[in-house]
Every structure is written in C-alpha cells, then in structure tokens.
Amino acid sequence: MATKVKSAKPNKSSVPVSAEEKIARTLGLLLIKGVEQRTDQVTLLRSIGFEVSDVAAMLGMTENHVNVAAFKGRKKAAKKSA
C-alpha cells in the first residue's frame, strides 16, 4: 500500500492537488526564483495565469495580500511605461 505524502502546508479546501497542479506550481516557483520583490513575484505569477488563491498558497500569503501586491505591481508597470 502506498503511503500518502502530506504537503508542508495543508490544503485549506481538503481537496487533493493534482499532479498537473503540482507541476504548474513548481514551474511558477522556478520562474520567480531570482525575483526578490514580492510585488514582482505576484505580478509575474498572475501574468502567466495563476489564480489569486494559487499565488497565495504558493507564496504563503493571504489572498488579500496577493490582491494588494498585484495592484501595486500593475501601478508600478503603468508608471514605467508612462
């Protein structure tokens, strides 16, 4: 019988995470590996299609904090392009 591996942080919804989701999260974390600022990390992850709840789980943040960081990131990007 195979043993069930528990993640370091329990899934709030108690729904098992699929293999595809684990791979996607791992690739997302690799993408932001060298990025120091949380705002930039959130902006990158959101720009490639991760949902707010996924980003929050990946970075150990609340969904509200992710929304605030995403807003600041969009504001920062708009300022750069102007």
C-alpha atoms as a PDB file:
ATOM      1  CA  MET A   1       0.000   0.000   0.000  1.00  0.00           C
ATOM      2  CA  ALA A   2       1.367   3.397  -0.982  1.00  0.00           C
ATOM      3  CA  THR A   3       1.724   5.984   1.730  1.00  0.00           C
ATOM      4  CA  LYS A   4       0.137   9.374   1.298  1.00  0.00           C
ATOM      5  CA  VAL A   5       2.620  12.230   1.284  1.00  0.00           C
ATOM      6  CA  LYS A   6       1.435  15.276   3.185  1.00  0.00           C
ATOM      7  CA  SER A   7       2.429  18.710   1.983  1.00  0.00           C
ATOM      8  CA  ALA A   8       4.222  21.100   4.289  1.00  0.00           C
ATOM      9  CA  LYS A   9       1.197  23.368   4.299  1.00  0.00           C
ATOM     10  CA  PRO A  10      -2.220  21.711   4.471  1.00  0.00           C
ATOM     11  CA  ASN A  11      -4.639  22.430   1.661  1.00  0.00           C
ATOM     12  CA  LYS A  12      -7.478  24.532   3.125  1.00  0.00           C
ATOM     13  CA  SER A  13     -10.082  23.037   0.826  1.00  0.00           C
ATOM     14  CA  SER A  14      -9.109  19.448   1.765  1.00  0.00           C
ATOM     15  CA  VAL A  15      -9.141  18.558  -1.924  1.00  0.00           C
ATOM     16  CA  PRO A  16      -6.076  16.669  -3.152  1.00  0.00           C
ATOM     17  CA  VAL A  17      -3.853  18.626  -5.526  1.00  0.00           C
ATOM     18  CA  SER A  18      -3.483  17.002  -8.943  1.00  0.00           C
ATOM     19  CA  ALA A  19      -0.113  16.145 -10.418  1.00  0.00           C
ATOM     20  CA  GLU A  20      -0.639  18.792 -13.111  1.00  0.00           C
ATOM     21  CA  GLU A  21      -1.276  21.430 -10.442  1.00  0.00           C
ATOM     22  CA  LYS A  22       1.879  20.425  -8.576  1.00  0.00           C
ATOM     23  CA  ILE A  23       3.909  20.701 -11.776  1.00  0.00           C
ATOM     24  CA  ALA A  24       2.394  24.089 -12.611  1.00  0.00           C
ATOM     25  CA  ARG A  25       3.151  25.410  -9.123  1.00  0.00           C
ATOM     26  CA  THR A  26       6.706  24.125  -9.290  1.00  0.00           C
ATOM     27  CA  LEU A  27       7.269  25.798 -12.668  1.00  0.00           C
ATOM     28  CA  GLY A  28       5.781  29.025 -11.302  1.00  0.00           C
ATOM     29  CA  LEU A  29       8.139  28.960  -8.330  1.00  0.00           C
ATOM     30  CA  LEU A  30      11.095  28.342 -10.648  1.00  0.00           C
ATOM     31  CA  LEU A  31      10.040  31.378 -12.693  1.00  0.00           C
ATOM     32  CA  ILE A  32      10.199  33.696  -9.683  1.00  0.00           C
ATOM     33  CA  LYS A  33      13.290  32.130  -8.097  1.00  0.00           C
ATOM     34  CA  GLY A  34      15.594  35.099  -8.734  1.00  0.00           C
ATOM     35  CA  VAL A  35      12.943  37.769  -8.174  1.00  0.00           C
ATOM     36  CA  GLU A  36      13.418  39.452  -4.799  1.00  0.00           C
ATOM     37  CA  GLN A  37      10.366  41.731  -4.513  1.00  0.00           C
ATOM     38  CA  ARG A  38       7.071  40.070  -3.520  1.00  0.00           C
ATOM     39  CA  THR A  39       5.162  42.529  -5.669  1.00  0.00           C
ATOM     40  CA  ASP A  40       7.158  41.454  -8.726  1.00  0.00           C
ATOM     41  CA  GLN A  41       6.707  37.770  -7.874  1.00  0.00           C
ATOM     42  CA  VAL A  42       2.946  38.179  -7.603  1.00  0.00           C
ATOM     43  CA  THR A  43       2.798  40.198 -10.823  1.00  0.00           C
ATOM     44  CA  LEU A  44       4.723  37.520 -12.739  1.00  0.00           C
ATOM     45  CA  LEU A  45       2.621  34.650 -11.418  1.00  0.00           C
ATOM     46  CA  ARG A  46      -0.657  36.460 -12.086  1.00  0.00           C
ATOM     47  CA  SER A  47       0.501  37.449 -15.590  1.00  0.00           C
ATOM     48  CA  ILE A  48       1.047  33.807 -16.583  1.00  0.00           C
ATOM     49  CA  GLY A  49      -2.402  32.812 -15.407  1.00  0.00           C
ATOM     50  CA  PHE A  50      -2.222  31.712 -11.783  1.00  0.00           C
ATOM     51  CA  GLU A  51      -5.341  32.481  -9.776  1.00  0.00           C
ATOM     52  CA  VAL A  52      -5.138  34.647  -6.654  1.00  0.00           C
ATOM     53  CA  SER A  53      -5.743  31.628  -4.417  1.00  0.00           C
ATOM     54  CA  ASP A  54      -2.936  29.672  -6.124  1.00  0.00           C
ATOM     55  CA  VAL A  55      -0.464  32.530  -5.755  1.00  0.00           C
ATOM     56  CA  ALA A  56      -1.428  32.927  -2.105  1.00  0.00           C
ATOM     57  CA  ALA A  57      -0.849  29.224  -1.445  1.00  0.00           C
ATOM     58  CA  MET A  58       2.458  29.186  -3.327  1.00  0.00           C
ATOM     59  CA  LEU A  59       3.907  32.221  -1.582  1.00  0.00           C
ATOM     60  CA  GLY A  60       2.365  31.733   1.864  1.00  0.00           C
ATOM     61  CA  MET A  61       0.331  34.927   1.655  1.00  0.00           C
ATOM     62  CA  THR A  62      -3.308  35.769   2.178  1.00  0.00           C
ATOM     63  CA  GLU A  63      -5.482  36.306  -0.879  1.00  0.00           C
ATOM     64  CA  ASN A  64      -5.985  39.930   0.174  1.00  0.00           C
ATOM     65  CA  HIS A  65      -2.227  40.462   0.332  1.00  0.00           C
ATOM     66  CA  VAL A  66      -1.876  38.968  -3.162  1.00  0.00           C
ATOM     67  CA  ASN A  67      -4.566  41.332  -4.484  1.00  0.00           C
ATOM     68  CA  VAL A  68      -2.796  44.333  -2.928  1.00  0.00           C
ATOM     69  CA  ALA A  69       0.593  43.230  -4.302  1.00  0.00           C
ATOM     70  CA  ALA A  70      -0.921  42.678  -7.766  1.00  0.00           C
ATOM     71  CA  PHE A  71      -2.446  46.166  -7.690  1.00  0.00           C
ATOM     72  CA  LYS A  72       0.883  47.702  -6.691  1.00  0.00           C
ATOM     73  CA  GLY A  73       2.615  45.727  -9.433  1.00  0.00           C
ATOM     74  CA  ARG A  74       0.185  46.961 -12.076  1.00  0.00           C
ATOM     75  CA  LYS A  75       0.614  50.527 -10.801  1.00  0.00           C
ATOM     76  CA  LYS A  76       4.405  50.142 -10.940  1.00  0.00           C
ATOM     77  CA  ALA A  77       4.263  48.773 -14.506  1.00  0.00           C
ATOM     78  CA  ALA A  78       1.996  51.594 -15.637  1.00  0.00           C
ATOM     79  CA  LYS A  79       4.399  54.142 -14.152  1.00  0.00           C
ATOM     80  CA  LYS A  80       7.324  52.547 -16.037  1.00  0.00           C
ATOM     81  CA  SER A  81       5.520  52.643 -19.366  1.00  0.00           C
ATOM     82  CA  ALA A  82       4.453  56.275 -18.989  1.00  0.00           C
END
